[in-house]
Amino acid sequence: MIRVVQYDPTWPERFEQLRRLYADRMAVAGVPVVAIEHVGSTAVPGLAAKPIIDCDIVVAEQDVPEASNTLVDLDYEPLGDLGIPQRWAFKEPQRLAGTNTYVVIDGSLALRNHLAVRDTLRKNPALRDEYAEVKRRAGAAAMNIAEYGRGKNAILQRILAAAGLSAAERASIDANQVPHEASPR
C-alpha cells in the first residue's frame, strides 16, 4: 500500500525551506540556477498526495555536474536518471526525510512534464479531484511504487493532453512513467 493523504497546507512552507536551502548552497557553490520548482502533487493546493515534497532544481545542461556535486555535499545520494532523460534523482539524507529532489535541465521534457501536470491541476479543480480519487484507489491497491505509478498512468496521460503536450511527447513520457524500484518514493 502507498500512503496517500489529504492536502496539507504546510507543504508549501516545507518546500520554501528546501528552496532556500538549495538556493543558498547553489549560490555559495557558484551554480547558476534557472529555477527551483515545487512539483508533484504536494504543489497542487487541495490535491491528495503522498506526503513527500518534490523539488526540481532547474539548471542549464553544462551546470548539471556542479549542481549534483552541491547536493552530494549536502549528503544527498545520487541515484542517476532512473530512466528519465535529462533528470537526475537524489536520495535525501535522514535530516531532510520526506523529500524527492531532482536536478533537471532547463527546457527538458522531464521538466515540462512536471510543470504541465502541476499547472494543469492547479487550474482545473474537477480534473484535480478526479486525479486525487485515482491516486487514493491506486495507493490502496498498490504493493509498491511501480504498481502505484501504473495505476495513475491513464489519468496522467489525460492531464498531459489537457496541458497541450503533443502525442509524441506524451508517448515519450509514457515510456518512462512507471517509477523504477530504486527511485525515490
N, C-alpha and C. Protein backbone atom coordinates (compact mmCIF):
# COMPACT_ATOMS: atom_id res chain seq x y z
N MET A 1 0.84 -1.18 0.00
CA MET A 1 0.00 0.00 0.00
C MET A 1 0.88 1.25 0.00
N ILE A 2 0.49 2.23 -0.78
CA ILE A 2 1.16 3.52 -0.84
C ILE A 2 0.28 4.52 -0.11
N ARG A 3 0.86 5.23 0.84
CA ARG A 3 0.09 6.17 1.66
C ARG A 3 -0.19 7.46 0.89
N VAL A 4 -1.47 7.75 0.67
CA VAL A 4 -1.93 8.99 0.05
C VAL A 4 -2.80 9.68 1.08
N VAL A 5 -2.48 10.95 1.38
CA VAL A 5 -3.17 11.68 2.43
C VAL A 5 -3.84 12.94 1.86
N GLN A 6 -4.74 13.51 2.65
CA GLN A 6 -5.37 14.77 2.28
C GLN A 6 -4.30 15.86 2.15
N TYR A 7 -4.60 16.87 1.36
CA TYR A 7 -3.69 18.01 1.19
C TYR A 7 -3.36 18.62 2.55
N ASP A 8 -2.11 18.97 2.74
CA ASP A 8 -1.63 19.59 3.97
C ASP A 8 -1.16 21.00 3.65
N PRO A 9 -1.78 22.02 4.24
CA PRO A 9 -1.42 23.40 3.92
C PRO A 9 0.00 23.79 4.35
N THR A 10 0.69 22.90 5.08
CA THR A 10 2.09 23.21 5.44
C THR A 10 3.07 22.79 4.34
N TRP A 11 2.61 22.07 3.32
CA TRP A 11 3.52 21.61 2.27
C TRP A 11 4.23 22.76 1.56
N PRO A 12 3.55 23.86 1.21
CA PRO A 12 4.29 24.97 0.58
C PRO A 12 5.39 25.54 1.49
N GLU A 13 5.15 25.57 2.79
CA GLU A 13 6.18 26.04 3.73
C GLU A 13 7.38 25.11 3.73
N ARG A 14 7.12 23.79 3.72
CA ARG A 14 8.23 22.83 3.67
C ARG A 14 9.03 23.00 2.39
N PHE A 15 8.31 23.20 1.26
CA PHE A 15 9.03 23.44 0.01
C PHE A 15 9.88 24.70 0.12
N GLU A 16 9.33 25.77 0.66
CA GLU A 16 10.07 27.04 0.75
C GLU A 16 11.34 26.88 1.58
N GLN A 17 11.31 26.08 2.63
CA GLN A 17 12.52 25.81 3.41
C GLN A 17 13.56 25.11 2.54
N LEU A 18 13.12 24.13 1.76
CA LEU A 18 14.05 23.43 0.86
C LEU A 18 14.57 24.36 -0.22
N ARG A 19 13.68 25.17 -0.79
CA ARG A 19 14.08 26.10 -1.85
C ARG A 19 15.17 27.04 -1.35
N ARG A 20 15.00 27.56 -0.14
CA ARG A 20 16.02 28.46 0.43
C ARG A 20 17.34 27.73 0.63
N LEU A 21 17.28 26.52 1.17
CA LEU A 21 18.50 25.73 1.39
C LEU A 21 19.21 25.50 0.06
N TYR A 22 18.48 25.04 -0.95
CA TYR A 22 19.10 24.75 -2.24
C TYR A 22 19.63 26.03 -2.89
N ALA A 23 18.86 27.09 -2.86
CA ALA A 23 19.29 28.35 -3.47
C ALA A 23 20.56 28.87 -2.80
N ASP A 24 20.59 28.83 -1.48
CA ASP A 24 21.77 29.30 -0.75
C ASP A 24 23.01 28.48 -1.08
N ARG A 25 22.86 27.15 -1.05
CA ARG A 25 24.01 26.28 -1.32
C ARG A 25 24.47 26.37 -2.77
N MET A 26 23.54 26.47 -3.69
CA MET A 26 23.92 26.60 -5.10
C MET A 26 24.64 27.94 -5.32
N ALA A 27 24.18 28.99 -4.68
CA ALA A 27 24.82 30.31 -4.81
C ALA A 27 26.23 30.27 -4.25
N VAL A 28 26.41 29.66 -3.10
CA VAL A 28 27.76 29.55 -2.50
C VAL A 28 28.68 28.76 -3.42
N ALA A 29 28.15 27.73 -4.06
CA ALA A 29 28.95 26.89 -4.97
C ALA A 29 29.14 27.54 -6.34
N GLY A 30 28.46 28.65 -6.57
CA GLY A 30 28.58 29.33 -7.86
C GLY A 30 27.81 28.66 -8.99
N VAL A 31 26.78 27.89 -8.63
CA VAL A 31 25.97 27.20 -9.64
C VAL A 31 24.83 28.11 -10.06
N PRO A 32 24.78 28.50 -11.34
CA PRO A 32 23.64 29.30 -11.80
C PRO A 32 22.38 28.43 -11.86
N VAL A 33 21.35 28.85 -11.16
CA VAL A 33 20.09 28.11 -11.11
C VAL A 33 19.04 28.90 -11.87
N VAL A 34 18.36 28.24 -12.79
CA VAL A 34 17.28 28.87 -13.55
C VAL A 34 16.06 29.03 -12.65
N ALA A 35 15.72 27.98 -11.91
CA ALA A 35 14.56 27.99 -11.02
C ALA A 35 14.66 26.81 -10.07
N ILE A 36 13.95 26.90 -8.98
CA ILE A 36 13.75 25.77 -8.08
C ILE A 36 12.24 25.64 -7.95
N GLU A 37 11.70 24.57 -8.51
CA GLU A 37 10.25 24.41 -8.66
C GLU A 37 9.70 23.38 -7.68
N HIS A 38 8.57 23.72 -7.07
CA HIS A 38 7.80 22.77 -6.29
C HIS A 38 6.90 22.03 -7.28
N VAL A 39 7.14 20.76 -7.44
CA VAL A 39 6.40 19.95 -8.40
C VAL A 39 5.77 18.77 -7.67
N GLY A 40 5.06 17.94 -8.39
CA GLY A 40 4.40 16.80 -7.77
C GLY A 40 3.10 17.24 -7.11
N SER A 41 2.41 16.30 -6.55
CA SER A 41 1.07 16.55 -6.02
C SER A 41 1.05 17.50 -4.84
N THR A 42 2.11 17.54 -4.03
CA THR A 42 2.11 18.46 -2.89
C THR A 42 2.16 19.92 -3.34
N ALA A 43 2.42 20.15 -4.61
CA ALA A 43 2.47 21.51 -5.16
C ALA A 43 1.11 22.00 -5.66
N VAL A 44 0.09 21.15 -5.53
CA VAL A 44 -1.25 21.49 -6.04
C VAL A 44 -2.19 21.66 -4.85
N PRO A 45 -2.57 22.88 -4.52
CA PRO A 45 -3.49 23.09 -3.39
C PRO A 45 -4.75 22.25 -3.55
N GLY A 46 -5.09 21.55 -2.46
CA GLY A 46 -6.30 20.74 -2.44
C GLY A 46 -6.15 19.32 -2.94
N LEU A 47 -4.98 18.95 -3.46
CA LEU A 47 -4.79 17.62 -4.03
C LEU A 47 -4.24 16.65 -2.98
N ALA A 48 -4.88 15.51 -2.85
CA ALA A 48 -4.35 14.43 -2.00
C ALA A 48 -3.01 13.98 -2.58
N ALA A 49 -2.10 13.56 -1.71
CA ALA A 49 -0.76 13.22 -2.18
C ALA A 49 -0.04 12.30 -1.19
N LYS A 50 1.01 11.67 -1.69
CA LYS A 50 1.97 11.07 -0.78
C LYS A 50 2.63 12.27 -0.07
N PRO A 51 2.85 12.21 1.23
CA PRO A 51 3.38 13.37 1.95
C PRO A 51 4.88 13.55 1.74
N ILE A 52 5.26 13.75 0.49
CA ILE A 52 6.66 13.89 0.11
C ILE A 52 6.77 15.11 -0.80
N ILE A 53 7.66 16.03 -0.45
CA ILE A 53 7.83 17.25 -1.23
C ILE A 53 8.79 16.97 -2.38
N ASP A 54 8.33 17.24 -3.61
CA ASP A 54 9.15 17.06 -4.80
C ASP A 54 9.69 18.41 -5.26
N CYS A 55 11.01 18.46 -5.49
CA CYS A 55 11.68 19.69 -5.91
C CYS A 55 12.48 19.43 -7.18
N ASP A 56 12.32 20.31 -8.15
CA ASP A 56 13.16 20.30 -9.34
C ASP A 56 14.10 21.48 -9.26
N ILE A 57 15.39 21.20 -9.25
CA ILE A 57 16.40 22.26 -9.34
C ILE A 57 16.75 22.35 -10.83
N VAL A 58 16.35 23.44 -11.44
CA VAL A 58 16.45 23.59 -12.89
C VAL A 58 17.73 24.35 -13.22
N VAL A 59 18.56 23.73 -14.07
CA VAL A 59 19.84 24.32 -14.46
C VAL A 59 20.07 24.10 -15.96
N ALA A 60 21.02 24.85 -16.50
CA ALA A 60 21.47 24.61 -17.87
C ALA A 60 22.25 23.29 -17.89
N GLU A 61 22.29 22.67 -19.05
CA GLU A 61 22.93 21.36 -19.15
C GLU A 61 24.37 21.36 -18.63
N GLN A 62 25.13 22.41 -18.94
CA GLN A 62 26.53 22.44 -18.52
C GLN A 62 26.69 22.56 -17.00
N ASP A 63 25.61 22.93 -16.29
CA ASP A 63 25.69 23.11 -14.83
C ASP A 63 25.22 21.89 -14.04
N VAL A 64 24.81 20.83 -14.73
CA VAL A 64 24.33 19.63 -14.04
C VAL A 64 25.40 19.04 -13.11
N PRO A 65 26.66 18.87 -13.55
CA PRO A 65 27.64 18.26 -12.64
C PRO A 65 27.85 19.07 -11.35
N GLU A 66 27.94 20.38 -11.45
CA GLU A 66 28.15 21.19 -10.25
C GLU A 66 26.92 21.21 -9.35
N ALA A 67 25.74 21.27 -9.94
CA ALA A 67 24.51 21.21 -9.13
C ALA A 67 24.44 19.87 -8.40
N SER A 68 24.77 18.80 -9.10
CA SER A 68 24.76 17.47 -8.49
C SER A 68 25.79 17.37 -7.36
N ASN A 69 26.98 17.89 -7.61
CA ASN A 69 28.02 17.87 -6.56
C ASN A 69 27.59 18.66 -5.34
N THR A 70 26.88 19.74 -5.54
CA THR A 70 26.40 20.55 -4.42
C THR A 70 25.42 19.75 -3.57
N LEU A 71 24.54 18.98 -4.21
CA LEU A 71 23.63 18.13 -3.45
C LEU A 71 24.38 17.03 -2.72
N VAL A 72 25.38 16.46 -3.35
CA VAL A 72 26.20 15.44 -2.68
C VAL A 72 26.87 16.04 -1.44
N ASP A 73 27.33 17.29 -1.55
CA ASP A 73 27.92 17.97 -0.39
C ASP A 73 26.91 18.17 0.74
N LEU A 74 25.61 18.16 0.41
CA LEU A 74 24.56 18.24 1.42
C LEU A 74 24.14 16.86 1.92
N ASP A 75 24.93 15.84 1.55
CA ASP A 75 24.72 14.44 1.96
C ASP A 75 23.61 13.73 1.20
N TYR A 76 23.24 14.24 0.02
CA TYR A 76 22.32 13.53 -0.84
C TYR A 76 23.07 12.43 -1.56
N GLU A 77 22.37 11.32 -1.83
CA GLU A 77 22.96 10.21 -2.57
C GLU A 77 22.47 10.26 -4.01
N PRO A 78 23.38 10.34 -4.99
CA PRO A 78 22.94 10.36 -6.39
C PRO A 78 22.40 9.01 -6.81
N LEU A 79 21.26 9.04 -7.50
CA LEU A 79 20.61 7.81 -7.98
C LEU A 79 20.63 7.69 -9.49
N GLY A 80 21.17 8.69 -10.18
CA GLY A 80 21.20 8.67 -11.63
C GLY A 80 19.88 9.15 -12.21
N ASP A 81 19.70 8.89 -13.51
CA ASP A 81 18.49 9.40 -14.17
C ASP A 81 17.28 8.49 -14.00
N LEU A 82 17.47 7.28 -13.51
CA LEU A 82 16.39 6.32 -13.29
C LEU A 82 15.52 6.14 -14.54
N GLY A 83 16.16 6.26 -15.70
CA GLY A 83 15.47 6.03 -16.96
C GLY A 83 14.73 7.24 -17.51
N ILE A 84 14.85 8.38 -16.87
CA ILE A 84 14.18 9.59 -17.35
C ILE A 84 15.25 10.56 -17.84
N PRO A 85 15.32 10.76 -19.15
CA PRO A 85 16.37 11.61 -19.72
C PRO A 85 16.34 13.04 -19.18
N GLN A 86 17.52 13.57 -18.96
CA GLN A 86 17.75 14.96 -18.58
C GLN A 86 17.18 15.31 -17.20
N ARG A 87 17.06 14.29 -16.34
CA ARG A 87 16.61 14.48 -14.96
C ARG A 87 17.36 13.49 -14.08
N TRP A 88 18.01 14.00 -13.03
CA TRP A 88 18.78 13.16 -12.13
C TRP A 88 18.17 13.21 -10.74
N ALA A 89 17.97 12.03 -10.16
CA ALA A 89 17.33 11.90 -8.85
C ALA A 89 18.38 11.78 -7.75
N PHE A 90 17.99 12.21 -6.55
CA PHE A 90 18.87 12.16 -5.39
C PHE A 90 18.06 11.69 -4.18
N LYS A 91 18.65 10.76 -3.42
CA LYS A 91 18.03 10.30 -2.17
C LYS A 91 18.44 11.26 -1.07
N GLU A 92 17.45 11.73 -0.33
CA GLU A 92 17.70 12.72 0.70
C GLU A 92 18.39 12.12 1.92
N PRO A 93 19.15 12.95 2.65
CA PRO A 93 19.69 12.50 3.92
C PRO A 93 18.56 12.43 4.96
N GLN A 94 18.76 11.70 6.02
CA GLN A 94 17.72 11.50 7.02
C GLN A 94 17.17 12.82 7.56
N ARG A 95 18.02 13.83 7.71
CA ARG A 95 17.56 15.11 8.29
C ARG A 95 16.56 15.83 7.37
N LEU A 96 16.49 15.42 6.11
CA LEU A 96 15.55 16.02 5.16
C LEU A 96 14.56 14.98 4.64
N ALA A 97 14.26 13.98 5.47
CA ALA A 97 13.36 12.90 5.07
C ALA A 97 12.02 13.47 4.61
N GLY A 98 11.45 12.80 3.62
CA GLY A 98 10.16 13.23 3.09
C GLY A 98 10.29 14.18 1.92
N THR A 99 11.41 14.08 1.20
CA THR A 99 11.61 14.92 0.03
C THR A 99 12.16 14.08 -1.11
N ASN A 100 11.80 14.47 -2.32
CA ASN A 100 12.41 13.95 -3.54
C ASN A 100 13.01 15.15 -4.26
N THR A 101 14.29 15.07 -4.56
CA THR A 101 14.95 16.20 -5.20
C THR A 101 15.58 15.73 -6.50
N TYR A 102 15.40 16.58 -7.53
CA TYR A 102 15.90 16.28 -8.87
C TYR A 102 16.67 17.47 -9.40
N VAL A 103 17.73 17.20 -10.16
CA VAL A 103 18.39 18.21 -10.98
C VAL A 103 17.87 17.97 -12.39
N VAL A 104 17.30 19.02 -12.99
CA VAL A 104 16.61 18.89 -14.27
C VAL A 104 17.14 19.96 -15.23
N ILE A 105 17.33 19.57 -16.47
CA ILE A 105 17.81 20.52 -17.49
C ILE A 105 16.67 21.43 -17.92
N ASP A 106 16.97 22.71 -17.95
CA ASP A 106 16.01 23.72 -18.37
C ASP A 106 15.47 23.38 -19.76
N GLY A 107 14.13 23.41 -19.91
CA GLY A 107 13.50 23.14 -21.19
C GLY A 107 13.30 21.67 -21.51
N SER A 108 13.81 20.78 -20.69
CA SER A 108 13.71 19.34 -20.97
C SER A 108 12.26 18.86 -20.87
N LEU A 109 11.99 17.74 -21.51
CA LEU A 109 10.66 17.14 -21.44
C LEU A 109 10.35 16.73 -20.01
N ALA A 110 11.34 16.28 -19.27
CA ALA A 110 11.11 15.91 -17.87
C ALA A 110 10.58 17.10 -17.07
N LEU A 111 11.17 18.26 -17.27
CA LEU A 111 10.70 19.47 -16.58
C LEU A 111 9.32 19.87 -17.09
N ARG A 112 9.14 19.88 -18.40
CA ARG A 112 7.84 20.27 -18.96
C ARG A 112 6.73 19.34 -18.48
N ASN A 113 7.04 18.05 -18.32
CA ASN A 113 6.09 17.09 -17.77
C ASN A 113 5.67 17.52 -16.36
N HIS A 114 6.65 17.74 -15.48
CA HIS A 114 6.35 18.12 -14.11
C HIS A 114 5.51 19.39 -14.05
N LEU A 115 5.92 20.41 -14.80
CA LEU A 115 5.21 21.69 -14.77
C LEU A 115 3.82 21.59 -15.38
N ALA A 116 3.68 20.80 -16.44
CA ALA A 116 2.39 20.65 -17.10
C ALA A 116 1.37 20.00 -16.16
N VAL A 117 1.77 18.95 -15.47
CA VAL A 117 0.86 18.29 -14.54
C VAL A 117 0.48 19.25 -13.42
N ARG A 118 1.47 19.87 -12.81
CA ARG A 118 1.21 20.81 -11.70
C ARG A 118 0.28 21.94 -12.14
N ASP A 119 0.64 22.60 -13.22
CA ASP A 119 -0.11 23.79 -13.63
C ASP A 119 -1.52 23.45 -14.12
N THR A 120 -1.67 22.33 -14.81
CA THR A 120 -3.00 21.93 -15.28
C THR A 120 -3.91 21.60 -14.09
N LEU A 121 -3.39 20.88 -13.12
CA LEU A 121 -4.22 20.53 -11.96
C LEU A 121 -4.54 21.75 -11.10
N ARG A 122 -3.63 22.72 -11.04
CA ARG A 122 -3.93 23.95 -10.30
C ARG A 122 -5.08 24.72 -10.94
N LYS A 123 -5.20 24.63 -12.26
CA LYS A 123 -6.22 25.40 -12.99
C LYS A 123 -7.54 24.66 -13.15
N ASN A 124 -7.55 23.34 -12.92
CA ASN A 124 -8.73 22.54 -13.22
C ASN A 124 -9.14 21.71 -11.99
N PRO A 125 -9.99 22.28 -11.12
CA PRO A 125 -10.37 21.56 -9.89
C PRO A 125 -11.06 20.22 -10.14
N ALA A 126 -11.85 20.12 -11.20
CA ALA A 126 -12.54 18.85 -11.47
C ALA A 126 -11.52 17.76 -11.81
N LEU A 127 -10.55 18.08 -12.66
CA LEU A 127 -9.52 17.11 -13.01
C LEU A 127 -8.65 16.80 -11.80
N ARG A 128 -8.35 17.82 -11.00
CA ARG A 128 -7.57 17.63 -9.76
C ARG A 128 -8.28 16.62 -8.86
N ASP A 129 -9.60 16.80 -8.66
CA ASP A 129 -10.34 15.91 -7.77
C ASP A 129 -10.43 14.49 -8.33
N GLU A 130 -10.57 14.38 -9.65
CA GLU A 130 -10.59 13.06 -10.28
C GLU A 130 -9.23 12.37 -10.09
N TYR A 131 -8.16 13.13 -10.27
CA TYR A 131 -6.82 12.58 -10.07
C TYR A 131 -6.63 12.14 -8.62
N ALA A 132 -7.12 12.93 -7.68
CA ALA A 132 -6.99 12.57 -6.26
C ALA A 132 -7.65 11.22 -5.99
N GLU A 133 -8.84 11.01 -6.56
CA GLU A 133 -9.54 9.75 -6.34
C GLU A 133 -8.77 8.58 -6.97
N VAL A 134 -8.22 8.78 -8.16
CA VAL A 134 -7.41 7.74 -8.79
C VAL A 134 -6.19 7.43 -7.92
N LYS A 135 -5.55 8.47 -7.39
CA LYS A 135 -4.38 8.28 -6.53
C LYS A 135 -4.74 7.47 -5.27
N ARG A 136 -5.86 7.79 -4.68
CA ARG A 136 -6.28 7.06 -3.47
C ARG A 136 -6.50 5.58 -3.78
N ARG A 137 -7.23 5.32 -4.88
CA ARG A 137 -7.50 3.92 -5.25
C ARG A 137 -6.20 3.19 -5.61
N ALA A 138 -5.36 3.84 -6.40
CA ALA A 138 -4.09 3.22 -6.79
C ALA A 138 -3.21 2.96 -5.58
N GLY A 139 -3.15 3.92 -4.67
CA GLY A 139 -2.35 3.74 -3.46
C GLY A 139 -2.83 2.60 -2.59
N ALA A 140 -4.15 2.48 -2.45
CA ALA A 140 -4.72 1.41 -1.62
C ALA A 140 -4.47 0.04 -2.22
N ALA A 141 -4.43 -0.04 -3.55
CA ALA A 141 -4.28 -1.33 -4.22
C ALA A 141 -2.83 -1.71 -4.49
N ALA A 142 -1.93 -0.75 -4.51
CA ALA A 142 -0.54 -1.00 -4.94
C ALA A 142 0.27 -1.69 -3.86
N MET A 143 1.08 -2.63 -4.32
CA MET A 143 2.02 -3.31 -3.42
C MET A 143 3.36 -2.58 -3.38
N ASN A 144 3.61 -1.71 -4.37
CA ASN A 144 4.88 -1.00 -4.43
C ASN A 144 4.71 0.26 -5.30
N ILE A 145 5.75 1.07 -5.38
CA ILE A 145 5.67 2.34 -6.10
C ILE A 145 5.46 2.12 -7.61
N ALA A 146 5.98 1.04 -8.16
CA ALA A 146 5.80 0.78 -9.59
C ALA A 146 4.33 0.51 -9.90
N GLU A 147 3.67 -0.30 -9.06
CA GLU A 147 2.23 -0.55 -9.25
C GLU A 147 1.43 0.74 -9.10
N TYR A 148 1.80 1.56 -8.15
CA TYR A 148 1.14 2.85 -7.94
C TYR A 148 1.26 3.71 -9.19
N GLY A 149 2.46 3.78 -9.76
CA GLY A 149 2.66 4.55 -10.98
C GLY A 149 1.82 4.05 -12.13
N ARG A 150 1.76 2.73 -12.30
CA ARG A 150 0.94 2.15 -13.37
C ARG A 150 -0.54 2.47 -13.16
N GLY A 151 -0.98 2.49 -11.91
CA GLY A 151 -2.37 2.77 -11.61
C GLY A 151 -2.79 4.20 -11.93
N LYS A 152 -1.83 5.11 -12.01
CA LYS A 152 -2.12 6.51 -12.31
C LYS A 152 -1.85 6.89 -13.75
N ASN A 153 -1.26 6.01 -14.50
CA ASN A 153 -0.75 6.36 -15.82
C ASN A 153 -1.82 6.89 -16.78
N ALA A 154 -2.98 6.25 -16.84
CA ALA A 154 -4.01 6.68 -17.80
C ALA A 154 -4.46 8.11 -17.53
N ILE A 155 -4.70 8.45 -16.28
CA ILE A 155 -5.15 9.81 -15.99
C ILE A 155 -4.02 10.81 -16.19
N LEU A 156 -2.79 10.42 -15.91
CA LEU A 156 -1.67 11.33 -16.17
C LEU A 156 -1.56 11.64 -17.65
N GLN A 157 -1.81 10.66 -18.49
CA GLN A 157 -1.80 10.91 -19.93
C GLN A 157 -2.90 11.90 -20.32
N ARG A 158 -4.07 11.79 -19.70
CA ARG A 158 -5.15 12.75 -19.95
C ARG A 158 -4.77 14.15 -19.49
N ILE A 159 -4.11 14.24 -18.33
CA ILE A 159 -3.68 15.55 -17.81
C ILE A 159 -2.68 16.18 -18.77
N LEU A 160 -1.74 15.39 -19.25
CA LEU A 160 -0.73 15.91 -20.18
C LEU A 160 -1.36 16.34 -21.50
N ALA A 161 -2.36 15.61 -21.95
CA ALA A 161 -3.08 16.02 -23.17
C ALA A 161 -3.80 17.34 -22.93
N ALA A 162 -4.44 17.47 -21.77
CA ALA A 162 -5.13 18.72 -21.43
C ALA A 162 -4.15 19.88 -21.34
N ALA A 163 -2.90 19.59 -20.98
CA ALA A 163 -1.86 20.62 -20.87
C ALA A 163 -1.32 21.03 -22.23
N GLY A 164 -1.66 20.27 -23.28
CA GLY A 164 -1.22 20.62 -24.62
C GLY A 164 0.05 19.93 -25.08
N LEU A 165 0.53 18.93 -24.33
CA LEU A 165 1.71 18.21 -24.80
C LEU A 165 1.32 17.37 -26.01
N SER A 166 2.22 17.26 -26.96
CA SER A 166 1.95 16.54 -28.20
C SER A 166 1.86 15.04 -27.94
N ALA A 167 1.31 14.33 -28.91
CA ALA A 167 1.21 12.87 -28.81
C ALA A 167 2.60 12.25 -28.68
N ALA A 168 3.58 12.79 -29.42
CA ALA A 168 4.94 12.26 -29.33
C ALA A 168 5.54 12.51 -27.94
N GLU A 169 5.30 13.69 -27.40
CA GLU A 169 5.81 13.99 -26.05
C GLU A 169 5.14 13.08 -25.02
N ARG A 170 3.84 12.91 -25.13
CA ARG A 170 3.13 12.03 -24.19
C ARG A 170 3.61 10.59 -24.31
N ALA A 171 3.88 10.13 -25.53
CA ALA A 171 4.39 8.77 -25.72
C ALA A 171 5.76 8.61 -25.08
N SER A 172 6.60 9.63 -25.22
CA SER A 172 7.93 9.58 -24.60
C SER A 172 7.81 9.53 -23.08
N ILE A 173 6.95 10.36 -22.53
CA ILE A 173 6.73 10.36 -21.08
C ILE A 173 6.14 9.02 -20.64
N ASP A 174 5.20 8.49 -21.41
CA ASP A 174 4.57 7.22 -21.08
C ASP A 174 5.60 6.09 -21.00
N ALA A 175 6.59 6.15 -21.87
CA ALA A 175 7.64 5.11 -21.87
C ALA A 175 8.46 5.15 -20.59
N ASN A 176 8.49 6.31 -19.91
CA ASN A 176 9.28 6.48 -18.69
C ASN A 176 8.43 6.67 -17.45
N GLN A 177 7.11 6.56 -17.56
CA GLN A 177 6.20 6.97 -16.49
C GLN A 177 6.31 6.13 -15.23
N VAL A 178 6.40 4.83 -15.35
CA VAL A 178 6.37 3.98 -14.17
C VAL A 178 7.69 4.10 -13.42
N PRO A 179 7.64 4.49 -12.15
CA PRO A 179 8.89 4.62 -11.40
C PRO A 179 9.63 3.29 -11.28
N HIS A 180 10.93 3.38 -11.25
CA HIS A 180 11.78 2.21 -11.04
C HIS A 180 11.77 1.88 -9.54
N GLU A 181 12.04 0.64 -9.24
CA GLU A 181 12.08 0.22 -7.83
C GLU A 181 13.11 1.01 -7.03
N ALA A 182 14.20 1.47 -7.68
CA ALA A 182 15.25 2.19 -6.96
C ALA A 182 14.92 3.67 -6.81
N SER A 183 13.82 4.11 -7.42
CA SER A 183 13.52 5.54 -7.41
C SER A 183 13.07 6.00 -6.04
N PRO A 184 13.16 7.32 -5.83
CA PRO A 184 12.60 7.85 -4.57
C PRO A 184 11.12 7.54 -4.51
N ARG A 185 10.55 7.70 -3.36
CA ARG A 185 9.14 7.38 -3.18
C ARG A 185 8.31 8.15 -4.13
